[in-house]
Amino acid sequence: MFNSDVSVTFFVSVISMIAVWVPLFKGGKLALQALGVTRQLNSGEIERRVRQGASGGPQSITVHMLMVLRKALRENQSGHPTEFVIDASKQFVTNDYEARYARPISMFASILPPIGFIGTTCGLLILFLSMRIANDSLEMGALALALTSSIFALIGYAALEGFKIRLYHRMIARLDDALIFYRNAAPPARGDEVPAHA
């Protein structure tokens, strides 16, 4: 009987993990991509990547900010102040990051608690039915489903949301790196574009 209870509990726990794994995996995959684009670059690597221009894969936030800023300053025909153009470029890159990474990660994280709630509700329903037919193995499996689905879902939710917050701080730091790189570069001749080596 003990082996039967353990095997049912293990089987139900695996089912709960699989249900939680799909959104957790997709959210984690996006979080790893965001980790790559928010990686800190040294000034030589920034300069080299800006010279290469847009590549096929995901682009570093620092390089993306510098390229957007260079294009915005070059196209600034209205004579807007440089600080206004810098702030608008920063907002553009932040919105792009949020659309590509932050919002989808939040979406996958937000799916997890309802999955846990569904597992808990199904587990309680099975528990009530198993009490009616007096099956101990079924009761143990129902309790395992109710508890493990909630536990796995909440852990996954907390992990994705916590990672998203950490990534947001990294993104802000990379935007600051881009601005420091821009300001440390030689001033442009006409004051309307990023220097050629930036």
N, C-alpha and C. Protein backbone atom coordinates (compact mmCIF):
# COMPACT_ATOMS: atom_id res chain seq x y z
N MET A 1 0.82 -1.20 0.00
CA MET A 1 0.00 0.00 0.00
C MET A 1 0.86 1.26 0.00
N PHE A 2 1.95 1.26 0.79
CA PHE A 2 2.83 2.43 0.85
C PHE A 2 3.44 2.72 -0.52
N ASN A 3 3.88 1.65 -1.22
CA ASN A 3 4.46 1.84 -2.55
C ASN A 3 3.43 2.40 -3.53
N SER A 4 2.20 1.96 -3.40
CA SER A 4 1.13 2.46 -4.26
C SER A 4 0.89 3.95 -4.01
N ASP A 5 0.86 4.36 -2.74
CA ASP A 5 0.67 5.78 -2.39
C ASP A 5 1.82 6.63 -2.91
N VAL A 6 3.04 6.14 -2.73
CA VAL A 6 4.21 6.89 -3.19
C VAL A 6 4.21 7.03 -4.70
N SER A 7 3.89 5.97 -5.41
CA SER A 7 3.91 6.03 -6.88
C SER A 7 2.81 6.96 -7.41
N VAL A 8 1.63 6.93 -6.78
CA VAL A 8 0.56 7.84 -7.21
C VAL A 8 0.96 9.29 -6.94
N THR A 9 1.52 9.53 -5.75
CA THR A 9 1.97 10.88 -5.40
C THR A 9 3.03 11.37 -6.37
N PHE A 10 3.99 10.51 -6.68
CA PHE A 10 5.06 10.87 -7.61
C PHE A 10 4.50 11.15 -9.00
N PHE A 11 3.60 10.32 -9.46
CA PHE A 11 3.00 10.49 -10.79
C PHE A 11 2.24 11.81 -10.89
N VAL A 12 1.45 12.10 -9.86
CA VAL A 12 0.67 13.33 -9.86
C VAL A 12 1.59 14.55 -9.77
N SER A 13 2.67 14.45 -9.00
CA SER A 13 3.63 15.55 -8.90
C SER A 13 4.30 15.83 -10.25
N VAL A 14 4.61 14.78 -10.98
CA VAL A 14 5.20 14.94 -12.31
C VAL A 14 4.22 15.62 -13.26
N ILE A 15 2.95 15.26 -13.19
CA ILE A 15 1.93 15.90 -14.03
C ILE A 15 1.85 17.40 -13.70
N SER A 16 1.89 17.72 -12.40
CA SER A 16 1.85 19.13 -11.99
C SER A 16 3.06 19.89 -12.52
N MET A 17 4.22 19.25 -12.45
CA MET A 17 5.44 19.90 -12.94
C MET A 17 5.37 20.13 -14.45
N ILE A 18 4.83 19.18 -15.18
CA ILE A 18 4.72 19.33 -16.64
C ILE A 18 3.78 20.49 -16.98
N ALA A 19 2.65 20.60 -16.26
CA ALA A 19 1.70 21.68 -16.52
C ALA A 19 2.33 23.04 -16.27
N VAL A 20 3.17 23.12 -15.26
CA VAL A 20 3.83 24.40 -14.93
C VAL A 20 5.04 24.63 -15.82
N TRP A 21 5.65 23.56 -16.29
CA TRP A 21 6.92 23.66 -17.02
C TRP A 21 6.80 24.43 -18.33
N VAL A 22 5.70 24.27 -19.05
CA VAL A 22 5.58 24.89 -20.38
C VAL A 22 5.68 26.42 -20.30
N PRO A 23 4.83 27.12 -19.53
CA PRO A 23 5.00 28.58 -19.46
C PRO A 23 6.29 28.99 -18.76
N LEU A 24 6.72 28.19 -17.78
CA LEU A 24 7.97 28.51 -17.09
C LEU A 24 9.16 28.42 -18.04
N PHE A 25 9.17 27.41 -18.90
CA PHE A 25 10.25 27.25 -19.88
C PHE A 25 10.26 28.40 -20.88
N LYS A 26 9.08 28.75 -21.39
CA LYS A 26 9.02 29.84 -22.38
C LYS A 26 9.41 31.17 -21.76
N GLY A 27 8.94 31.43 -20.54
CA GLY A 27 9.33 32.66 -19.84
C GLY A 27 10.81 32.67 -19.50
N GLY A 28 11.34 31.52 -19.09
CA GLY A 28 12.77 31.41 -18.78
C GLY A 28 13.64 31.60 -20.01
N LYS A 29 13.18 31.10 -21.14
CA LYS A 29 13.92 31.27 -22.40
C LYS A 29 14.02 32.75 -22.77
N LEU A 30 12.90 33.47 -22.63
CA LEU A 30 12.92 34.91 -22.89
C LEU A 30 13.81 35.65 -21.89
N ALA A 31 13.77 35.21 -20.64
CA ALA A 31 14.60 35.85 -19.62
C ALA A 31 16.09 35.66 -19.92
N LEU A 32 16.46 34.49 -20.43
CA LEU A 32 17.86 34.26 -20.81
C LEU A 32 18.27 35.12 -22.00
N GLN A 33 17.36 35.32 -22.95
CA GLN A 33 17.65 36.22 -24.07
C GLN A 33 17.83 37.65 -23.57
N ALA A 34 16.96 38.06 -22.64
CA ALA A 34 17.07 39.39 -22.06
C ALA A 34 18.37 39.54 -21.27
N LEU A 35 18.80 38.47 -20.65
CA LEU A 35 20.07 38.49 -19.92
C LEU A 35 21.22 38.75 -20.90
N GLY A 36 21.13 38.16 -22.08
CA GLY A 36 22.17 38.36 -23.09
C GLY A 36 22.21 39.79 -23.62
N VAL A 37 21.05 40.39 -23.86
CA VAL A 37 21.04 41.75 -24.41
C VAL A 37 21.34 42.80 -23.36
N THR A 38 21.26 42.43 -22.09
CA THR A 38 21.59 43.39 -21.03
C THR A 38 22.99 43.15 -20.45
N ARG A 39 23.78 42.35 -21.15
CA ARG A 39 25.15 42.09 -20.70
C ARG A 39 25.99 43.35 -20.85
N GLN A 40 26.86 43.58 -19.86
CA GLN A 40 27.71 44.77 -19.91
C GLN A 40 28.84 44.57 -20.91
N LEU A 41 29.09 45.59 -21.72
CA LEU A 41 30.16 45.55 -22.73
C LEU A 41 31.21 46.59 -22.37
N ASN A 42 32.46 46.27 -22.71
CA ASN A 42 33.50 47.29 -22.51
C ASN A 42 33.47 48.27 -23.69
N SER A 43 34.14 49.38 -23.55
CA SER A 43 34.05 50.45 -24.57
C SER A 43 34.55 49.99 -25.94
N GLY A 44 35.58 49.14 -25.96
CA GLY A 44 36.08 48.64 -27.25
C GLY A 44 35.04 47.78 -27.96
N GLU A 45 34.35 46.95 -27.20
CA GLU A 45 33.32 46.10 -27.80
C GLU A 45 32.12 46.92 -28.25
N ILE A 46 31.79 47.95 -27.47
CA ILE A 46 30.68 48.84 -27.87
C ILE A 46 31.01 49.51 -29.20
N GLU A 47 32.23 50.05 -29.28
CA GLU A 47 32.65 50.75 -30.50
C GLU A 47 32.63 49.82 -31.70
N ARG A 48 33.13 48.59 -31.52
CA ARG A 48 33.17 47.62 -32.62
C ARG A 48 31.76 47.24 -33.07
N ARG A 49 30.87 47.02 -32.14
CA ARG A 49 29.51 46.62 -32.49
C ARG A 49 28.72 47.74 -33.15
N VAL A 50 28.94 48.97 -32.71
CA VAL A 50 28.25 50.10 -33.34
C VAL A 50 28.73 50.26 -34.77
N ARG A 51 30.03 50.07 -35.02
CA ARG A 51 30.56 50.16 -36.38
C ARG A 51 29.97 49.08 -37.28
N GLN A 52 29.77 47.87 -36.72
CA GLN A 52 29.22 46.77 -37.51
C GLN A 52 27.76 47.01 -37.87
N GLY A 53 27.08 47.81 -37.06
CA GLY A 53 25.67 48.10 -37.32
C GLY A 53 24.77 46.97 -36.85
N ALA A 54 23.54 46.99 -37.36
CA ALA A 54 22.54 45.99 -36.94
C ALA A 54 22.94 44.62 -37.46
N SER A 55 22.86 43.64 -36.58
CA SER A 55 23.15 42.26 -36.98
C SER A 55 21.85 41.46 -36.94
N GLY A 56 21.91 40.21 -37.34
CA GLY A 56 20.71 39.39 -37.42
C GLY A 56 20.11 39.03 -36.07
N GLY A 57 20.94 38.83 -35.03
CA GLY A 57 20.44 38.38 -33.74
C GLY A 57 20.04 39.52 -32.83
N PRO A 58 19.69 39.19 -31.59
CA PRO A 58 19.34 40.23 -30.62
C PRO A 58 20.52 41.15 -30.37
N GLN A 59 20.25 42.42 -30.24
CA GLN A 59 21.29 43.42 -30.11
C GLN A 59 21.40 43.90 -28.67
N SER A 60 22.61 44.16 -28.24
CA SER A 60 22.84 44.69 -26.91
C SER A 60 22.07 46.00 -26.72
N ILE A 61 21.53 46.18 -25.53
CA ILE A 61 20.78 47.41 -25.22
C ILE A 61 21.67 48.63 -25.40
N THR A 62 22.93 48.53 -24.96
CA THR A 62 23.86 49.65 -25.08
C THR A 62 24.06 50.04 -26.54
N VAL A 63 24.32 49.06 -27.38
CA VAL A 63 24.55 49.31 -28.80
C VAL A 63 23.27 49.82 -29.46
N HIS A 64 22.15 49.21 -29.12
CA HIS A 64 20.86 49.63 -29.68
C HIS A 64 20.58 51.10 -29.33
N MET A 65 20.85 51.48 -28.09
CA MET A 65 20.64 52.87 -27.67
C MET A 65 21.52 53.82 -28.47
N LEU A 66 22.79 53.47 -28.64
CA LEU A 66 23.71 54.34 -29.38
C LEU A 66 23.31 54.47 -30.85
N MET A 67 22.84 53.37 -31.44
CA MET A 67 22.44 53.43 -32.85
C MET A 67 21.17 54.25 -33.02
N VAL A 68 20.21 54.09 -32.11
CA VAL A 68 18.98 54.89 -32.17
C VAL A 68 19.32 56.36 -31.95
N LEU A 69 20.20 56.63 -31.00
CA LEU A 69 20.59 58.02 -30.71
C LEU A 69 21.30 58.65 -31.90
N ARG A 70 22.19 57.89 -32.52
CA ARG A 70 22.91 58.43 -33.68
C ARG A 70 21.94 58.78 -34.81
N LYS A 71 21.00 57.86 -35.05
CA LYS A 71 20.02 58.12 -36.12
C LYS A 71 19.13 59.31 -35.76
N ALA A 72 18.70 59.39 -34.50
CA ALA A 72 17.82 60.49 -34.08
C ALA A 72 18.52 61.84 -34.18
N LEU A 73 19.79 61.88 -33.78
CA LEU A 73 20.54 63.14 -33.86
C LEU A 73 20.80 63.54 -35.30
N ARG A 74 21.04 62.55 -36.15
CA ARG A 74 21.29 62.84 -37.57
C ARG A 74 20.03 63.37 -38.24
N GLU A 75 18.86 62.86 -37.84
CA GLU A 75 17.60 63.26 -38.47
C GLU A 75 16.93 64.42 -37.74
N ASN A 76 17.59 65.01 -36.78
CA ASN A 76 17.00 66.09 -35.99
C ASN A 76 17.01 67.39 -36.80
N GLN A 77 16.10 67.48 -37.76
CA GLN A 77 16.00 68.65 -38.62
C GLN A 77 15.31 69.83 -37.93
N SER A 78 14.49 69.55 -36.91
CA SER A 78 13.72 70.60 -36.24
C SER A 78 14.55 71.38 -35.24
N GLY A 79 15.75 70.93 -34.98
CA GLY A 79 16.61 71.62 -34.03
C GLY A 79 16.23 71.42 -32.58
N HIS A 80 15.65 70.25 -32.26
CA HIS A 80 15.32 69.96 -30.86
C HIS A 80 16.61 69.93 -30.04
N PRO A 81 16.53 70.28 -28.77
CA PRO A 81 17.73 70.21 -27.92
C PRO A 81 18.25 68.77 -27.84
N THR A 82 19.55 68.64 -27.75
CA THR A 82 20.18 67.33 -27.71
C THR A 82 19.66 66.49 -26.56
N GLU A 83 19.47 67.09 -25.38
CA GLU A 83 18.97 66.33 -24.22
C GLU A 83 17.58 65.78 -24.47
N PHE A 84 16.74 66.52 -25.21
CA PHE A 84 15.41 66.03 -25.56
C PHE A 84 15.52 64.81 -26.47
N VAL A 85 16.41 64.87 -27.45
CA VAL A 85 16.61 63.75 -28.38
C VAL A 85 17.15 62.54 -27.63
N ILE A 86 18.08 62.78 -26.70
CA ILE A 86 18.65 61.68 -25.90
C ILE A 86 17.54 61.01 -25.08
N ASP A 87 16.71 61.82 -24.43
CA ASP A 87 15.64 61.27 -23.60
C ASP A 87 14.62 60.50 -24.45
N ALA A 88 14.28 61.03 -25.62
CA ALA A 88 13.35 60.34 -26.51
C ALA A 88 13.93 59.02 -27.00
N SER A 89 15.23 59.00 -27.30
CA SER A 89 15.89 57.77 -27.74
C SER A 89 15.88 56.74 -26.61
N LYS A 90 16.15 57.20 -25.40
CA LYS A 90 16.14 56.30 -24.24
C LYS A 90 14.75 55.70 -24.04
N GLN A 91 13.73 56.51 -24.19
CA GLN A 91 12.35 56.02 -24.04
C GLN A 91 12.00 55.03 -25.14
N PHE A 92 12.46 55.29 -26.35
CA PHE A 92 12.22 54.38 -27.48
C PHE A 92 12.84 53.01 -27.21
N VAL A 93 14.08 52.98 -26.75
CA VAL A 93 14.77 51.72 -26.49
C VAL A 93 14.11 50.99 -25.31
N THR A 94 13.71 51.74 -24.29
CA THR A 94 13.03 51.14 -23.13
C THR A 94 11.72 50.49 -23.56
N ASN A 95 10.94 51.18 -24.39
CA ASN A 95 9.68 50.62 -24.88
C ASN A 95 9.91 49.37 -25.71
N ASP A 96 10.97 49.38 -26.53
CA ASP A 96 11.31 48.22 -27.33
C ASP A 96 11.67 47.03 -26.45
N TYR A 97 12.47 47.28 -25.40
CA TYR A 97 12.85 46.22 -24.47
C TYR A 97 11.61 45.64 -23.77
N GLU A 98 10.73 46.52 -23.33
CA GLU A 98 9.53 46.05 -22.63
C GLU A 98 8.64 45.23 -23.54
N ALA A 99 8.51 45.64 -24.80
CA ALA A 99 7.67 44.90 -25.74
C ALA A 99 8.26 43.53 -26.07
N ARG A 100 9.58 43.46 -26.18
CA ARG A 100 10.23 42.20 -26.56
C ARG A 100 10.43 41.24 -25.40
N TYR A 101 10.70 41.76 -24.22
CA TYR A 101 11.10 40.90 -23.11
C TYR A 101 10.22 41.04 -21.86
N ALA A 102 10.10 42.24 -21.29
CA ALA A 102 9.46 42.40 -19.98
C ALA A 102 7.98 41.97 -20.01
N ARG A 103 7.21 42.45 -20.98
CA ARG A 103 5.79 42.11 -21.02
C ARG A 103 5.55 40.63 -21.30
N PRO A 104 6.27 40.01 -22.28
CA PRO A 104 6.06 38.57 -22.47
C PRO A 104 6.46 37.73 -21.26
N ILE A 105 7.54 38.12 -20.56
CA ILE A 105 7.93 37.38 -19.36
C ILE A 105 6.82 37.48 -18.33
N SER A 106 6.26 38.68 -18.16
CA SER A 106 5.14 38.87 -17.21
C SER A 106 3.93 38.05 -17.62
N MET A 107 3.69 37.95 -18.92
CA MET A 107 2.55 37.18 -19.40
C MET A 107 2.71 35.70 -19.03
N PHE A 108 3.91 35.14 -19.28
CA PHE A 108 4.13 33.74 -18.93
C PHE A 108 4.09 33.53 -17.42
N ALA A 109 4.59 34.49 -16.66
CA ALA A 109 4.54 34.39 -15.20
C ALA A 109 3.09 34.44 -14.71
N SER A 110 2.28 35.27 -15.34
CA SER A 110 0.88 35.43 -14.90
C SER A 110 0.02 34.22 -15.21
N ILE A 111 0.46 33.38 -16.15
CA ILE A 111 -0.28 32.16 -16.46
C ILE A 111 -0.12 31.12 -15.35
N LEU A 112 0.99 31.18 -14.63
CA LEU A 112 1.30 30.13 -13.65
C LEU A 112 0.33 30.05 -12.47
N PRO A 113 -0.02 31.15 -11.78
CA PRO A 113 -0.97 31.01 -10.66
C PRO A 113 -2.31 30.39 -11.05
N PRO A 114 -2.93 30.76 -12.20
CA PRO A 114 -4.17 30.05 -12.56
C PRO A 114 -3.97 28.56 -12.80
N ILE A 115 -2.81 28.19 -13.35
CA ILE A 115 -2.54 26.76 -13.53
C ILE A 115 -2.49 26.07 -12.17
N GLY A 116 -1.82 26.71 -11.21
CA GLY A 116 -1.76 26.16 -9.85
C GLY A 116 -3.14 26.06 -9.23
N PHE A 117 -3.98 27.07 -9.47
CA PHE A 117 -5.33 27.07 -8.91
C PHE A 117 -6.18 25.96 -9.53
N ILE A 118 -6.02 25.76 -10.83
CA ILE A 118 -6.75 24.67 -11.50
C ILE A 118 -6.33 23.33 -10.92
N GLY A 119 -5.01 23.14 -10.74
CA GLY A 119 -4.53 21.89 -10.15
C GLY A 119 -5.05 21.69 -8.74
N THR A 120 -5.09 22.75 -7.95
CA THR A 120 -5.61 22.66 -6.59
C THR A 120 -7.09 22.30 -6.59
N THR A 121 -7.85 22.96 -7.46
CA THR A 121 -9.30 22.69 -7.54
C THR A 121 -9.56 21.25 -7.98
N CYS A 122 -8.83 20.81 -9.00
CA CYS A 122 -8.99 19.42 -9.47
C CYS A 122 -8.60 18.43 -8.37
N GLY A 123 -7.51 18.73 -7.66
CA GLY A 123 -7.07 17.85 -6.57
C GLY A 123 -8.12 17.75 -5.47
N LEU A 124 -8.73 18.87 -5.11
CA LEU A 124 -9.77 18.85 -4.07
C LEU A 124 -11.02 18.10 -4.54
N LEU A 125 -11.35 18.27 -5.81
CA LEU A 125 -12.50 17.54 -6.36
C LEU A 125 -12.25 16.04 -6.30
N ILE A 126 -11.06 15.62 -6.71
CA ILE A 126 -10.72 14.19 -6.67
C ILE A 126 -10.68 13.70 -5.23
N LEU A 127 -10.21 14.55 -4.32
CA LEU A 127 -10.16 14.18 -2.90
C LEU A 127 -11.57 13.90 -2.37
N PHE A 128 -12.52 14.76 -2.69
CA PHE A 128 -13.89 14.54 -2.24
C PHE A 128 -14.47 13.25 -2.83
N LEU A 129 -14.18 13.00 -4.11
CA LEU A 129 -14.67 11.77 -4.73
C LEU A 129 -14.01 10.54 -4.11
N SER A 130 -12.71 10.63 -3.82
CA SER A 130 -12.00 9.48 -3.24
C SER A 130 -12.46 9.19 -1.83
N MET A 131 -12.88 10.20 -1.09
CA MET A 131 -13.41 9.96 0.25
C MET A 131 -14.73 9.19 0.17
N ARG A 132 -15.46 9.42 -0.88
CA ARG A 132 -16.75 8.74 -1.08
C ARG A 132 -16.55 7.25 -1.34
N ILE A 133 -15.47 6.93 -2.09
CA ILE A 133 -15.23 5.51 -2.41
C ILE A 133 -14.17 4.90 -1.50
N ALA A 134 -13.65 5.67 -0.55
CA ALA A 134 -12.68 5.21 0.46
C ALA A 134 -11.45 4.56 -0.18
N ASN A 135 -10.77 5.34 -1.03
CA ASN A 135 -9.54 4.85 -1.68
C ASN A 135 -8.39 5.71 -1.19
N ASP A 136 -7.51 5.12 -0.37
CA ASP A 136 -6.40 5.87 0.23
C ASP A 136 -5.40 6.36 -0.82
N SER A 137 -5.11 5.53 -1.81
CA SER A 137 -4.15 5.93 -2.85
C SER A 137 -4.68 7.12 -3.64
N LEU A 138 -5.95 7.08 -3.94
CA LEU A 138 -6.55 8.18 -4.68
C LEU A 138 -6.57 9.47 -3.84
N GLU A 139 -6.80 9.32 -2.53
CA GLU A 139 -6.77 10.48 -1.63
C GLU A 139 -5.37 11.10 -1.61
N MET A 140 -4.37 10.23 -1.51
CA MET A 140 -2.98 10.71 -1.48
C MET A 140 -2.62 11.42 -2.79
N GLY A 141 -3.03 10.86 -3.91
CA GLY A 141 -2.77 11.49 -5.20
C GLY A 141 -3.49 12.82 -5.35
N ALA A 142 -4.73 12.88 -4.84
CA ALA A 142 -5.49 14.13 -4.91
C ALA A 142 -4.84 15.22 -4.08
N LEU A 143 -4.38 14.86 -2.87
CA LEU A 143 -3.68 15.84 -2.03
C LEU A 143 -2.37 16.30 -2.69
N ALA A 144 -1.66 15.35 -3.29
CA ALA A 144 -0.41 15.68 -3.98
C ALA A 144 -0.67 16.64 -5.13
N LEU A 145 -1.72 16.39 -5.90
CA LEU A 145 -2.07 17.27 -7.02
C LEU A 145 -2.42 18.67 -6.51
N ALA A 146 -3.23 18.73 -5.46
CA ALA A 146 -3.65 20.02 -4.92
C ALA A 146 -2.46 20.83 -4.41
N LEU A 147 -1.54 20.18 -3.72
CA LEU A 147 -0.41 20.90 -3.13
C LEU A 147 0.69 21.20 -4.14
N THR A 148 1.11 20.19 -4.90
CA THR A 148 2.25 20.39 -5.79
C THR A 148 1.96 21.37 -6.91
N SER A 149 0.73 21.36 -7.44
CA SER A 149 0.42 22.30 -8.52
C SER A 149 0.54 23.74 -8.02
N SER A 150 0.04 24.00 -6.82
CA SER A 150 0.15 25.36 -6.27
C SER A 150 1.59 25.72 -5.96
N ILE A 151 2.30 24.81 -5.34
CA ILE A 151 3.70 25.09 -4.96
C ILE A 151 4.55 25.36 -6.19
N PHE A 152 4.48 24.48 -7.18
CA PHE A 152 5.30 24.66 -8.39
C PHE A 152 4.93 25.94 -9.13
N ALA A 153 3.62 26.23 -9.22
CA ALA A 153 3.18 27.42 -9.93
C ALA A 153 3.64 28.70 -9.24
N LEU A 154 3.53 28.72 -7.92
CA LEU A 154 3.94 29.93 -7.19
C LEU A 154 5.46 30.13 -7.21
N ILE A 155 6.20 29.04 -7.11
CA ILE A 155 7.67 29.15 -7.21
C ILE A 155 8.06 29.66 -8.59
N GLY A 156 7.44 29.11 -9.64
CA GLY A 156 7.73 29.56 -11.00
C GLY A 156 7.37 31.03 -11.20
N TYR A 157 6.22 31.43 -10.67
CA TYR A 157 5.79 32.83 -10.79
C TYR A 157 6.79 33.76 -10.10
N ALA A 158 7.16 33.41 -8.88
CA ALA A 158 8.10 34.25 -8.13
C ALA A 158 9.45 34.32 -8.83
N ALA A 159 9.90 33.19 -9.40
CA ALA A 159 11.20 33.17 -10.08
C ALA A 159 11.18 34.06 -11.32
N LEU A 160 10.15 33.94 -12.15
CA LEU A 160 10.08 34.76 -13.37
C LEU A 160 9.94 36.24 -13.06
N GLU A 161 9.07 36.57 -12.11
CA GLU A 161 8.88 37.99 -11.77
C GLU A 161 10.13 38.58 -11.13
N GLY A 162 10.78 37.82 -10.26
CA GLY A 162 12.02 38.29 -9.64
C GLY A 162 13.12 38.50 -10.68
N PHE A 163 13.22 37.57 -11.62
CA PHE A 163 14.22 37.68 -12.67
C PHE A 163 13.93 38.87 -13.57
N LYS A 164 12.65 39.10 -13.84
CA LYS A 164 12.25 40.24 -14.68
C LYS A 164 12.65 41.57 -14.03
N ILE A 165 12.47 41.67 -12.73
CA ILE A 165 12.86 42.90 -12.01
C ILE A 165 14.37 43.09 -12.09
N ARG A 166 15.12 42.03 -11.89
CA ARG A 166 16.59 42.10 -11.98
C ARG A 166 17.02 42.52 -13.38
N LEU A 167 16.38 41.97 -14.40
CA LEU A 167 16.71 42.31 -15.78
C LEU A 167 16.39 43.77 -16.09
N TYR A 168 15.32 44.29 -15.50
CA TYR A 168 14.96 45.68 -15.73
C TYR A 168 16.05 46.61 -15.20
N HIS A 169 16.59 46.28 -14.03
CA HIS A 169 17.70 47.07 -13.47
C HIS A 169 18.94 46.99 -14.36
N ARG A 170 19.19 45.81 -14.91
CA ARG A 170 20.32 45.66 -15.83
C ARG A 170 20.11 46.49 -17.09
N MET A 171 18.87 46.53 -17.60
CA MET A 171 18.58 47.32 -18.79
C MET A 171 18.83 48.80 -18.54
N ILE A 172 18.40 49.30 -17.39
CA ILE A 172 18.63 50.70 -17.03
C ILE A 172 20.13 50.99 -16.96
N ALA A 173 20.89 50.06 -16.37
CA ALA A 173 22.35 50.24 -16.27
C ALA A 173 22.99 50.27 -17.65
N ARG A 174 22.50 49.45 -18.59
CA ARG A 174 23.08 49.45 -19.95
C ARG A 174 22.73 50.74 -20.69
N LEU A 175 21.56 51.30 -20.46
CA LEU A 175 21.24 52.60 -21.05
C LEU A 175 22.17 53.68 -20.50
N ASP A 176 22.45 53.61 -19.21
CA ASP A 176 23.40 54.56 -18.61
C ASP A 176 24.79 54.38 -19.20
N ASP A 177 25.19 53.12 -19.45
CA ASP A 177 26.49 52.86 -20.09
C ASP A 177 26.55 53.52 -21.47
N ALA A 178 25.44 53.43 -22.22
CA ALA A 178 25.41 54.04 -23.55
C ALA A 178 25.56 55.55 -23.46
N LEU A 179 24.88 56.16 -22.50
CA LEU A 179 24.97 57.62 -22.36
C LEU A 179 26.36 58.05 -21.91
N ILE A 180 26.97 57.28 -21.02
CA ILE A 180 28.35 57.58 -20.59
C ILE A 180 29.30 57.48 -21.77
N PHE A 181 29.13 56.42 -22.58
CA PHE A 181 29.98 56.25 -23.76
C PHE A 181 29.79 57.42 -24.72
N TYR A 182 28.54 57.81 -24.95
CA TYR A 182 28.25 58.93 -25.85
C TYR A 182 28.88 60.23 -25.34
N ARG A 183 28.74 60.50 -24.04
CA ARG A 183 29.24 61.76 -23.48
C ARG A 183 30.76 61.79 -23.39
N ASN A 184 31.38 60.62 -23.25
CA ASN A 184 32.84 60.56 -23.18
C ASN A 184 33.49 60.63 -24.56
N ALA A 185 32.69 60.41 -25.61
CA ALA A 185 33.23 60.46 -26.97
C ALA A 185 33.51 61.92 -27.33
N ALA A 186 34.35 62.11 -28.32
CA ALA A 186 34.66 63.48 -28.78
C ALA A 186 33.39 64.16 -29.25
N PRO A 187 33.19 65.44 -28.92
CA PRO A 187 31.97 66.12 -29.36
C PRO A 187 31.90 66.19 -30.88
N PRO A 188 30.72 66.02 -31.44
CA PRO A 188 30.57 66.08 -32.89
C PRO A 188 30.82 67.48 -33.41
N ALA A 189 31.21 67.54 -34.66
CA ALA A 189 31.60 68.82 -35.26
C ALA A 189 30.44 69.81 -35.28
N ARG A 190 29.23 69.35 -35.70
CA ARG A 190 28.10 70.27 -35.80
C ARG A 190 27.18 70.17 -34.60
N GLY A 191 27.45 69.27 -33.67
CA GLY A 191 26.61 69.10 -32.50
C GLY A 191 25.31 68.37 -32.78
N ASP A 192 25.24 67.67 -33.93
CA ASP A 192 23.96 67.02 -34.24
C ASP A 192 24.08 65.52 -34.50
N GLU A 193 25.23 64.92 -34.22
CA GLU A 193 25.32 63.49 -34.43
C GLU A 193 26.36 62.87 -33.50
N VAL A 194 26.21 61.58 -33.28
CA VAL A 194 27.16 60.85 -32.46
C VAL A 194 28.46 60.76 -33.23
N PRO A 195 29.62 60.86 -32.60
CA PRO A 195 30.88 60.75 -33.31
C PRO A 195 30.97 59.44 -34.08
N ALA A 196 31.77 59.45 -35.14
CA ALA A 196 31.85 58.30 -36.04
C ALA A 196 32.25 57.03 -35.32
N HIS A 197 33.14 57.15 -34.30
CA HIS A 197 33.60 55.93 -33.63
C HIS A 197 32.60 55.44 -32.59
N ALA A 198 31.53 56.20 -32.33
CA ALA A 198 30.50 55.76 -31.39
C ALA A 198 29.34 55.16 -32.14
